[in-house]
N, C-alpha and C. Protein backbone atom coordinates (compact mmCIF):
# COMPACT_ATOMS: atom_id res chain seq x y z
N MET A 1 22.57 -30.82 -82.24
CA MET A 1 21.74 -29.96 -81.33
C MET A 1 20.57 -29.90 -81.77
N SER A 2 18.95 -30.18 -80.79
CA SER A 2 17.55 -29.80 -81.17
C SER A 2 17.46 -28.59 -81.38
N GLU A 3 16.07 -28.20 -81.84
CA GLU A 3 15.74 -26.94 -82.23
C GLU A 3 15.17 -26.59 -80.97
N PRO A 4 15.22 -24.76 -80.81
CA PRO A 4 14.50 -24.52 -79.72
C PRO A 4 13.40 -24.94 -79.61
N ARG A 5 12.07 -25.11 -78.44
CA ARG A 5 11.25 -25.24 -78.41
C ARG A 5 10.81 -23.01 -77.88
N TRP A 6 10.29 -22.58 -78.72
CA TRP A 6 9.49 -21.25 -78.85
C TRP A 6 8.47 -21.12 -78.13
N LEU A 7 8.02 -20.18 -77.48
CA LEU A 7 7.27 -19.54 -76.99
C LEU A 7 6.06 -19.36 -77.63
N ASP A 8 4.81 -20.24 -77.78
CA ASP A 8 3.77 -19.75 -78.49
C ASP A 8 3.30 -18.40 -77.89
N ALA A 9 2.01 -18.09 -78.26
CA ALA A 9 1.28 -16.25 -78.26
C ALA A 9 0.95 -16.43 -76.70
N ARG A 10 0.25 -17.56 -76.32
CA ARG A 10 0.13 -17.77 -75.06
C ARG A 10 1.83 -17.90 -73.75
N GLU A 11 2.39 -18.57 -74.18
CA GLU A 11 3.18 -18.87 -73.35
C GLU A 11 3.94 -17.29 -73.40
N MET A 12 4.02 -16.88 -74.31
CA MET A 12 5.18 -15.33 -74.40
C MET A 12 3.98 -14.39 -73.56
N ALA A 13 2.97 -14.55 -73.75
CA ALA A 13 2.03 -13.58 -73.38
C ALA A 13 2.29 -13.96 -71.28
N ALA A 14 2.57 -15.02 -71.39
CA ALA A 14 2.83 -15.12 -69.53
C ALA A 14 3.72 -14.99 -69.33
N TRP A 15 5.00 -15.06 -70.24
CA TRP A 15 6.69 -14.46 -69.45
C TRP A 15 6.39 -12.82 -69.91
N GLN A 16 5.73 -11.83 -71.05
CA GLN A 16 6.37 -11.26 -70.74
C GLN A 16 5.19 -10.14 -69.59
N GLY A 17 4.37 -10.94 -69.19
CA GLY A 17 3.50 -10.38 -68.28
C GLY A 17 3.94 -10.28 -66.84
N PHE A 18 4.50 -11.73 -66.37
CA PHE A 18 5.72 -12.03 -65.33
C PHE A 18 6.63 -10.82 -65.05
N LEU A 19 7.60 -10.31 -66.46
CA LEU A 19 8.54 -10.05 -66.58
C LEU A 19 7.77 -8.05 -66.28
N LEU A 20 6.95 -8.01 -67.02
CA LEU A 20 6.56 -6.68 -66.11
C LEU A 20 6.28 -6.28 -65.18
N ALA A 21 4.96 -7.32 -64.38
CA ALA A 21 4.63 -7.55 -63.61
C ALA A 21 5.60 -7.61 -62.58
N SER A 22 6.65 -8.33 -62.56
CA SER A 22 7.39 -8.51 -61.14
C SER A 22 8.52 -6.85 -61.33
N ASN A 23 8.42 -6.47 -62.73
CA ASN A 23 9.62 -5.41 -62.38
C ASN A 23 8.95 -4.11 -61.79
N ARG A 24 7.47 -4.10 -61.89
CA ARG A 24 7.13 -2.81 -61.66
C ARG A 24 7.08 -3.64 -60.10
N VAL A 25 6.19 -4.39 -59.91
CA VAL A 25 5.92 -4.63 -58.43
C VAL A 25 7.16 -4.28 -57.75
N GLY A 26 8.55 -5.14 -58.31
CA GLY A 26 9.37 -4.59 -57.41
C GLY A 26 9.64 -3.13 -57.65
N HIS A 27 9.99 -2.44 -58.53
CA HIS A 27 10.20 -0.88 -58.23
C HIS A 27 8.73 -0.50 -57.12
N HIS A 28 7.65 -0.81 -57.13
CA HIS A 28 7.01 -0.09 -56.57
C HIS A 28 7.29 -0.43 -54.69
N LEU A 29 7.69 -1.72 -54.75
CA LEU A 29 8.10 -2.08 -53.12
C LEU A 29 9.38 -1.03 -52.96
N GLU A 30 10.60 -1.08 -53.93
CA GLU A 30 11.60 -0.31 -53.87
C GLU A 30 11.18 0.95 -53.22
N GLN A 31 10.36 2.01 -54.11
CA GLN A 31 10.23 3.13 -54.03
C GLN A 31 9.95 3.41 -52.42
N GLN A 32 8.95 2.60 -51.86
CA GLN A 32 8.18 2.78 -50.80
C GLN A 32 9.07 1.96 -49.78
N LEU A 33 10.01 1.59 -49.99
CA LEU A 33 11.11 1.02 -48.49
C LEU A 33 12.02 2.35 -48.68
N LYS A 34 12.59 3.10 -49.80
CA LYS A 34 13.31 3.89 -49.68
C LYS A 34 12.86 5.78 -49.59
N GLU A 35 11.43 5.46 -49.35
CA GLU A 35 10.88 6.87 -48.95
C GLU A 35 10.18 6.44 -47.44
N GLY A 36 9.32 5.59 -47.02
CA GLY A 36 9.69 4.91 -45.97
C GLY A 36 10.47 4.31 -44.89
N SER A 37 11.48 4.15 -45.02
CA SER A 37 12.07 3.89 -44.48
C SER A 37 13.92 3.97 -44.37
N GLY A 38 14.09 4.28 -46.03
CA GLY A 38 15.98 4.91 -46.46
C GLY A 38 16.54 2.71 -46.39
N LEU A 39 15.49 2.55 -46.27
CA LEU A 39 15.79 0.79 -46.50
C LEU A 39 15.50 0.57 -48.12
N SER A 40 16.89 -0.33 -48.51
CA SER A 40 16.52 -0.81 -49.72
C SER A 40 15.41 -1.91 -49.87
N HIS A 41 15.25 -3.16 -50.84
CA HIS A 41 14.27 -4.22 -50.26
C HIS A 41 15.33 -5.00 -49.61
N PRO A 42 16.50 -5.45 -51.17
CA PRO A 42 17.36 -6.20 -49.72
C PRO A 42 17.88 -6.07 -48.67
N GLN A 43 18.26 -4.65 -48.16
CA GLN A 43 18.24 -4.55 -46.77
C GLN A 43 17.02 -5.03 -45.90
N TYR A 44 15.81 -4.66 -46.61
CA TYR A 44 14.38 -5.02 -45.83
C TYR A 44 14.59 -6.59 -45.57
N GLU A 45 14.70 -7.34 -46.78
CA GLU A 45 14.80 -8.55 -46.60
C GLU A 45 15.96 -9.46 -45.95
N ILE A 46 16.63 -8.57 -45.41
CA ILE A 46 17.98 -9.17 -44.32
C ILE A 46 17.44 -9.17 -42.91
N LEU A 47 17.07 -7.64 -42.89
CA LEU A 47 15.94 -7.16 -41.31
C LEU A 47 15.36 -8.35 -41.20
N VAL A 48 14.76 -8.38 -42.13
CA VAL A 48 13.15 -9.56 -41.85
C VAL A 48 13.52 -11.45 -41.58
N HIS A 49 14.93 -11.45 -41.99
CA HIS A 49 15.15 -13.11 -41.68
C HIS A 49 15.84 -13.02 -40.29
N LEU A 50 16.50 -11.71 -40.70
CA LEU A 50 17.11 -11.41 -39.27
C LEU A 50 16.00 -11.05 -37.55
N GLY A 51 15.13 -10.63 -38.05
CA GLY A 51 13.85 -10.12 -37.14
C GLY A 51 13.45 -11.64 -36.98
N GLU A 52 13.15 -12.87 -37.41
CA GLU A 52 12.26 -13.98 -37.59
C GLU A 52 13.41 -15.41 -36.91
N ALA A 53 14.73 -14.86 -36.72
CA ALA A 53 15.71 -15.38 -36.60
C ALA A 53 15.80 -15.79 -34.77
N PRO A 54 15.83 -16.89 -34.20
CA PRO A 54 15.76 -17.05 -32.59
C PRO A 54 17.50 -16.08 -32.32
N GLY A 55 17.06 -15.19 -31.42
CA GLY A 55 18.28 -14.60 -30.93
C GLY A 55 18.93 -13.58 -32.07
N GLY A 56 17.58 -13.62 -33.24
CA GLY A 56 17.98 -12.52 -33.83
C GLY A 56 19.43 -12.54 -34.99
N GLU A 57 19.83 -13.07 -34.70
CA GLU A 57 21.08 -13.61 -35.44
C GLU A 57 21.17 -15.23 -36.51
N ILE A 58 21.83 -15.00 -37.42
CA ILE A 58 21.80 -16.35 -38.64
C ILE A 58 23.48 -16.09 -39.13
N ARG A 59 24.02 -17.50 -39.25
CA ARG A 59 25.20 -16.97 -39.66
C ARG A 59 25.28 -16.16 -41.03
N MET A 60 26.14 -15.91 -41.70
CA MET A 60 26.38 -15.03 -43.10
C MET A 60 25.85 -15.92 -44.00
N THR A 61 26.31 -16.99 -44.14
CA THR A 61 26.41 -18.07 -45.39
C THR A 61 25.26 -18.55 -45.38
N GLU A 62 24.45 -18.65 -44.25
CA GLU A 62 22.89 -19.38 -44.67
C GLU A 62 22.00 -18.05 -45.11
N LEU A 63 22.50 -16.82 -44.03
CA LEU A 63 21.24 -15.80 -44.33
C LEU A 63 21.57 -14.99 -46.27
N ALA A 64 22.33 -15.66 -46.53
CA ALA A 64 22.81 -15.39 -47.83
C ALA A 64 21.92 -16.28 -48.53
N ARG A 65 22.19 -17.38 -48.57
CA ARG A 65 20.78 -18.39 -48.98
C ARG A 65 19.33 -18.19 -49.18
N SER A 66 19.10 -17.67 -48.14
CA SER A 66 17.95 -17.25 -47.48
C SER A 66 17.48 -16.02 -48.59
N VAL A 67 18.26 -14.63 -48.93
CA VAL A 67 17.70 -14.16 -49.29
C VAL A 67 18.07 -14.14 -50.66
N VAL A 68 18.93 -15.08 -51.11
CA VAL A 68 18.76 -15.59 -52.49
C VAL A 68 20.56 -14.26 -53.06
N THR A 69 21.35 -14.48 -52.60
CA THR A 69 22.41 -13.28 -52.93
C THR A 69 23.45 -14.01 -53.15
N SER A 70 24.37 -13.15 -53.55
CA SER A 70 25.82 -13.89 -53.29
C SER A 70 26.59 -13.34 -51.86
N LYS A 71 27.66 -14.21 -51.41
CA LYS A 71 28.39 -14.04 -49.89
C LYS A 71 28.89 -12.15 -50.13
N SER A 72 29.17 -12.09 -51.83
CA SER A 72 29.49 -10.41 -51.38
C SER A 72 29.06 -9.42 -51.50
N GLY A 73 27.39 -9.88 -52.21
CA GLY A 73 26.28 -8.96 -52.30
C GLY A 73 25.53 -8.58 -50.90
N LEU A 74 25.85 -10.14 -50.13
CA LEU A 74 24.96 -9.92 -48.91
C LEU A 74 26.14 -9.06 -47.74
N THR A 75 27.57 -9.44 -47.88
CA THR A 75 28.57 -8.75 -47.07
C THR A 75 28.45 -7.18 -47.71
N TYR A 76 27.90 -6.43 -48.81
CA TYR A 76 27.91 -5.02 -49.00
C TYR A 76 26.97 -4.93 -48.05
N GLN A 77 25.79 -5.34 -48.24
CA GLN A 77 24.45 -5.15 -47.47
C GLN A 77 24.37 -4.74 -46.05
N VAL A 78 25.33 -5.71 -45.73
CA VAL A 78 25.47 -5.99 -44.22
C VAL A 78 26.13 -4.67 -43.92
N GLY A 79 27.09 -4.61 -44.34
CA GLY A 79 27.97 -3.36 -44.31
C GLY A 79 27.62 -2.31 -44.09
N ARG A 80 26.52 -2.16 -45.27
CA ARG A 80 25.87 -0.93 -45.07
C ARG A 80 24.73 -0.40 -44.02
N LEU A 81 24.14 -1.46 -43.62
CA LEU A 81 23.26 -1.93 -42.18
C LEU A 81 24.11 -1.69 -41.31
N GLU A 82 25.06 -1.79 -41.29
CA GLU A 82 26.28 -1.73 -40.36
C GLU A 82 25.95 -0.22 -40.39
N LYS A 83 26.51 0.23 -40.98
CA LYS A 83 26.85 1.58 -40.86
C LYS A 83 25.24 3.08 -40.10
N ARG A 84 24.64 2.18 -40.45
CA ARG A 84 23.40 2.99 -39.70
C ARG A 84 22.78 2.11 -38.23
N GLY A 85 23.76 1.32 -37.93
CA GLY A 85 23.67 0.49 -36.72
C GLY A 85 22.56 -0.36 -36.43
N LEU A 86 21.88 -0.78 -37.78
CA LEU A 86 20.87 -1.96 -37.69
C LEU A 86 21.30 -3.28 -37.07
N VAL A 87 22.49 -3.61 -37.72
CA VAL A 87 23.03 -4.82 -37.77
C VAL A 87 24.61 -4.47 -37.57
N ARG A 88 24.80 -5.90 -36.88
CA ARG A 88 26.43 -5.81 -36.11
C ARG A 88 26.80 -7.46 -36.52
N ARG A 89 28.13 -7.37 -36.66
CA ARG A 89 29.16 -8.90 -36.95
C ARG A 89 29.29 -9.20 -35.95
N ARG A 90 28.99 -11.14 -35.70
CA ARG A 90 29.76 -11.45 -34.76
C ARG A 90 30.78 -12.50 -34.55
N SER A 91 31.67 -12.67 -34.57
CA SER A 91 32.65 -14.11 -34.92
C SER A 91 31.77 -15.32 -34.08
N CYS A 92 31.93 -16.36 -34.66
CA CYS A 92 31.59 -17.84 -34.73
C CYS A 92 32.36 -18.22 -33.57
N PRO A 93 32.17 -18.61 -32.40
CA PRO A 93 32.97 -19.20 -31.14
C PRO A 93 33.35 -20.80 -31.87
N THR A 94 32.93 -20.94 -32.46
CA THR A 94 33.40 -22.91 -32.97
C THR A 94 34.41 -22.57 -34.15
N ASP A 95 33.79 -21.78 -34.81
CA ASP A 95 34.42 -21.38 -36.31
C ASP A 95 35.41 -20.44 -36.78
N VAL A 96 36.14 -20.31 -36.82
CA VAL A 96 37.21 -18.90 -37.10
C VAL A 96 36.68 -18.61 -38.55
N ARG A 97 36.03 -19.36 -39.66
CA ARG A 97 35.60 -19.02 -41.07
C ARG A 97 34.49 -18.31 -40.58
N GLY A 98 33.67 -18.52 -39.71
CA GLY A 98 32.26 -18.10 -39.21
C GLY A 98 32.20 -17.25 -38.98
N VAL A 99 30.97 -16.54 -39.44
CA VAL A 99 30.50 -14.92 -38.98
C VAL A 99 28.98 -14.59 -39.19
N TYR A 100 28.59 -14.19 -37.81
CA TYR A 100 27.00 -14.21 -37.65
C TYR A 100 26.46 -12.45 -38.11
N ALA A 101 25.28 -12.21 -38.31
CA ALA A 101 24.51 -10.99 -38.84
C ALA A 101 24.01 -11.13 -37.69
N VAL A 102 24.14 -9.89 -36.43
CA VAL A 102 23.17 -10.14 -36.00
C VAL A 102 22.24 -8.70 -35.80
N LEU A 103 20.98 -8.67 -35.55
CA LEU A 103 19.72 -7.35 -35.47
C LEU A 103 20.16 -6.38 -34.48
N THR A 104 20.47 -5.54 -34.72
CA THR A 104 20.54 -4.50 -33.11
C THR A 104 19.21 -4.02 -32.74
N ASP A 105 18.89 -3.54 -31.56
CA ASP A 105 17.69 -3.32 -31.05
C ASP A 105 17.10 -1.93 -32.01
N GLU A 106 18.06 -1.35 -32.45
CA GLU A 106 17.81 -0.19 -33.43
C GLU A 106 17.15 -0.58 -34.90
N GLY A 107 17.69 -2.18 -35.19
CA GLY A 107 17.30 -2.77 -36.16
C GLY A 107 15.95 -3.02 -36.33
N ARG A 108 16.17 -3.14 -35.03
CA ARG A 108 14.47 -4.32 -35.15
C ARG A 108 14.00 -3.00 -34.85
N ARG A 109 13.71 -1.66 -33.97
CA ARG A 109 12.73 -0.98 -34.42
C ARG A 109 12.70 -0.33 -35.41
N VAL A 110 13.68 -0.37 -36.48
CA VAL A 110 13.64 0.15 -37.97
C VAL A 110 12.77 -0.50 -38.90
N LEU A 111 12.99 -2.06 -38.33
CA LEU A 111 12.12 -3.09 -39.07
C LEU A 111 10.83 -3.34 -38.85
N GLU A 112 10.46 -2.95 -37.44
CA GLU A 112 8.85 -2.78 -37.21
C GLU A 112 8.42 -1.08 -37.54
N GLY A 113 9.37 -0.67 -37.33
CA GLY A 113 8.53 0.62 -38.13
C GLY A 113 8.77 0.60 -39.82
N ALA A 114 9.21 -0.06 -40.14
CA ALA A 114 8.89 -0.55 -41.81
C ALA A 114 8.15 -1.05 -42.65
N ALA A 115 7.90 -2.60 -41.25
CA ALA A 115 6.80 -3.47 -41.69
C ALA A 115 5.15 -2.77 -42.10
N PRO A 116 4.85 -2.25 -41.40
CA PRO A 116 3.38 -2.12 -41.97
C PRO A 116 3.02 -1.00 -43.54
N GLY A 117 3.77 -0.45 -43.97
CA GLY A 117 4.07 0.42 -45.06
C GLY A 117 4.75 -0.59 -45.69
N HIS A 118 5.52 -1.63 -45.79
CA HIS A 118 5.63 -2.76 -46.66
C HIS A 118 4.71 -3.39 -47.05
N VAL A 119 3.85 -3.74 -46.21
CA VAL A 119 3.21 -4.85 -46.54
C VAL A 119 1.58 -4.00 -46.89
N ALA A 120 1.62 -3.10 -46.73
CA ALA A 120 0.53 -2.20 -47.09
C ALA A 120 0.85 -2.05 -49.19
N ALA A 121 2.25 -1.72 -49.42
CA ALA A 121 2.50 -2.07 -50.38
C ALA A 121 2.77 -2.63 -51.55
N VAL A 122 2.88 -3.95 -50.60
CA VAL A 122 2.66 -5.46 -50.99
C VAL A 122 1.31 -5.78 -51.13
N ARG A 123 0.18 -5.51 -50.47
CA ARG A 123 -1.37 -5.68 -50.88
C ARG A 123 -1.34 -4.77 -52.01
N GLU A 124 -1.20 -3.31 -51.97
CA GLU A 124 -1.72 -2.27 -52.74
C GLU A 124 -1.29 -2.94 -54.29
N ALA A 125 0.11 -3.57 -54.42
CA ALA A 125 0.69 -3.92 -55.86
C ALA A 125 0.27 -5.22 -56.15
N LEU A 126 0.09 -5.83 -55.41
CA LEU A 126 -0.21 -7.64 -55.56
C LEU A 126 -1.35 -7.82 -55.25
N ILE A 127 -1.24 -8.00 -53.78
CA ILE A 127 -2.16 -9.02 -53.48
C ILE A 127 -3.67 -8.84 -53.63
N ASP A 128 -4.31 -7.46 -53.27
CA ASP A 128 -5.70 -6.90 -53.50
C ASP A 128 -5.63 -6.55 -54.54
N VAL A 129 -5.13 -7.10 -56.00
CA VAL A 129 -5.46 -7.20 -57.66
C VAL A 129 -6.40 -8.33 -57.72
N LEU A 130 -5.91 -9.15 -57.11
CA LEU A 130 -6.08 -10.56 -57.23
C LEU A 130 -7.27 -11.33 -56.71
N ASP A 131 -8.07 -11.95 -57.23
CA ASP A 131 -8.97 -12.51 -56.46
C ASP A 131 -8.48 -13.96 -55.91
N ASP A 132 -9.13 -14.37 -54.45
CA ASP A 132 -8.33 -15.76 -54.18
C ASP A 132 -8.43 -16.70 -55.61
N ALA A 133 -8.99 -17.17 -56.18
CA ALA A 133 -8.39 -18.35 -57.31
C ALA A 133 -7.38 -17.71 -57.95
N GLU A 134 -6.84 -16.78 -58.33
CA GLU A 134 -5.58 -16.65 -59.02
C GLU A 134 -4.82 -16.08 -57.92
N LEU A 135 -5.24 -15.69 -56.48
CA LEU A 135 -4.01 -15.61 -55.40
C LEU A 135 -3.18 -17.50 -55.54
N ASN A 136 -3.87 -17.87 -55.23
CA ASN A 136 -3.75 -19.58 -55.21
C ASN A 136 -3.20 -19.76 -55.77
N LEU A 137 -3.48 -19.82 -57.38
CA LEU A 137 -2.51 -20.52 -58.55
C LEU A 137 -0.93 -19.73 -58.29
N LEU A 138 -1.17 -18.65 -58.54
CA LEU A 138 0.23 -17.62 -58.47
C LEU A 138 0.79 -18.02 -57.65
N ALA A 139 0.61 -18.75 -56.34
CA ALA A 139 1.10 -19.14 -55.33
C ALA A 139 1.68 -20.51 -55.27
N GLU A 140 0.38 -21.04 -55.80
CA GLU A 140 1.27 -22.76 -56.72
C GLU A 140 2.28 -22.23 -57.44
N GLY A 141 1.77 -22.11 -58.46
CA GLY A 141 2.66 -21.69 -59.52
C GLY A 141 4.22 -21.32 -59.16
N LEU A 142 4.01 -19.85 -58.34
CA LEU A 142 5.39 -19.67 -58.58
C LEU A 142 6.44 -20.20 -57.30
N GLY A 143 5.56 -20.92 -56.25
CA GLY A 143 6.29 -22.16 -55.51
C GLY A 143 6.86 -23.15 -56.77
N ARG A 144 6.15 -23.67 -57.41
CA ARG A 144 6.80 -24.75 -58.04
C ARG A 144 7.94 -24.42 -58.73
N VAL A 145 7.44 -23.19 -58.85
CA VAL A 145 9.22 -22.94 -60.22
C VAL A 145 10.47 -22.61 -59.05
N ALA A 146 10.06 -21.69 -58.17
CA ALA A 146 11.24 -21.55 -56.88
C ALA A 146 11.61 -23.06 -56.82
N ARG A 147 10.86 -23.62 -56.13
CA ARG A 147 11.44 -25.14 -56.08
C ARG A 147 12.37 -25.81 -57.37
N ARG A 148 11.39 -25.83 -58.11
CA ARG A 148 12.68 -26.42 -59.40
C ARG A 148 13.80 -25.73 -59.87
N LEU A 149 13.86 -24.18 -59.09
CA LEU A 149 15.05 -23.65 -59.34
C LEU A 149 16.10 -23.70 -57.79
N ASP A 150 15.50 -24.13 -56.99
CA ASP A 150 16.60 -24.05 -55.55
C ASP A 150 17.41 -25.24 -55.60
N PRO A 151 18.81 -23.95 -55.70
CA PRO A 151 20.11 -24.51 -55.82
C PRO A 151 20.93 -25.91 -54.56
N ASP A 152 19.66 -25.77 -53.56
CA ASP A 152 20.36 -26.55 -52.33
C ASP A 152 19.16 -27.89 -52.94
N GLY A 153 18.57 -27.70 -53.23
CA GLY A 153 17.19 -29.28 -53.67
C GLY A 153 16.76 -29.13 -52.45
N GLU A 154 16.67 -28.69 -51.33
CA GLU A 154 15.94 -29.03 -50.42
C GLU A 154 14.38 -28.89 -50.29
N ALA A 155 13.79 -28.19 -51.47
CA ALA A 155 12.11 -28.22 -51.65
C ALA A 155 11.94 -29.60 -52.08
N ALA A 156 12.97 -29.72 -52.98
CA ALA A 156 12.91 -30.61 -54.41
C ALA A 156 13.21 -31.99 -53.55
N ALA A 157 14.05 -32.47 -53.04
CA ALA A 157 14.12 -33.11 -52.30
C ALA A 157 12.39 -33.61 -51.22
N SER A 158 12.06 -32.54 -50.86
CA SER A 158 10.58 -33.14 -49.81
C SER A 158 9.75 -33.92 -50.93
N GLY A 159 9.49 -33.49 -52.24
CA GLY A 159 8.98 -33.97 -53.24
C GLY A 159 7.02 -33.64 -53.05
N SER A 160 7.42 -32.78 -52.38
CA SER A 160 6.10 -31.56 -52.44
C SER A 160 6.17 -30.76 -53.84
N ASP A 161 4.53 -30.46 -53.86
CA ASP A 161 4.23 -29.29 -54.20
C ASP A 161 3.52 -28.47 -54.28
N ARG A 162 3.50 -28.35 -52.71
CA ARG A 162 2.93 -27.68 -52.20
C ARG A 162 4.03 -26.50 -51.30
N GLY A 163 3.02 -25.19 -51.85
CA GLY A 163 3.81 -23.65 -51.62
C GLY A 163 4.30 -24.15 -49.94
N ASP A 164 5.01 -23.12 -49.33
CA ASP A 164 5.60 -22.55 -48.14
C ASP A 164 4.34 -21.98 -47.65
N GLU A 165 3.55 -22.48 -46.51
CA GLU A 165 2.47 -21.78 -45.84
C GLU A 165 2.92 -20.79 -45.28
N ARG A 166 4.04 -20.22 -44.46
CA ARG A 166 4.76 -19.01 -44.03
C ARG A 166 4.63 -17.40 -44.90
N GLY A 167 4.16 -16.42 -44.39
CA GLY A 167 4.32 -15.71 -44.90
C GLY A 167 5.52 -14.85 -44.69
N ASP A 168 5.48 -13.88 -45.81
CA ASP A 168 6.91 -12.97 -45.57
C ASP A 168 6.70 -11.55 -44.83
């Protein structure tokens, strides 16, 4: 077995900066969502994906891949959203094993109410802190990392090192 490639000072600074910043940004966004709408960040992500989907519905397995969580984790979060009347589930008519998550009218209303505060918090915690060059580097670098770790290989199969141009 070969020796590990230890991180040098620059690499360690990048790694520790990433960890600290991502944890602090995540905590900031979580607090803003809880106070602003009573949602957790995973719940907000689920509502965003459903809000962008045709008909406001997505098959649960596809939704789990989109929000990068386990099926059981998604089931738990969707269950909590169901209790609030923001999401409902429906069976797939062509596959007895398939289940769709469906955004309700109340879910859409909560999402539309939460989005302005959330985007303001994203700007405050990250976007407005960086200049244009830093933002481009961050988007490019983290996009490359995400594609490399994509378990479905969809991004890697495209052969592109460009980031996704859609916003969240």
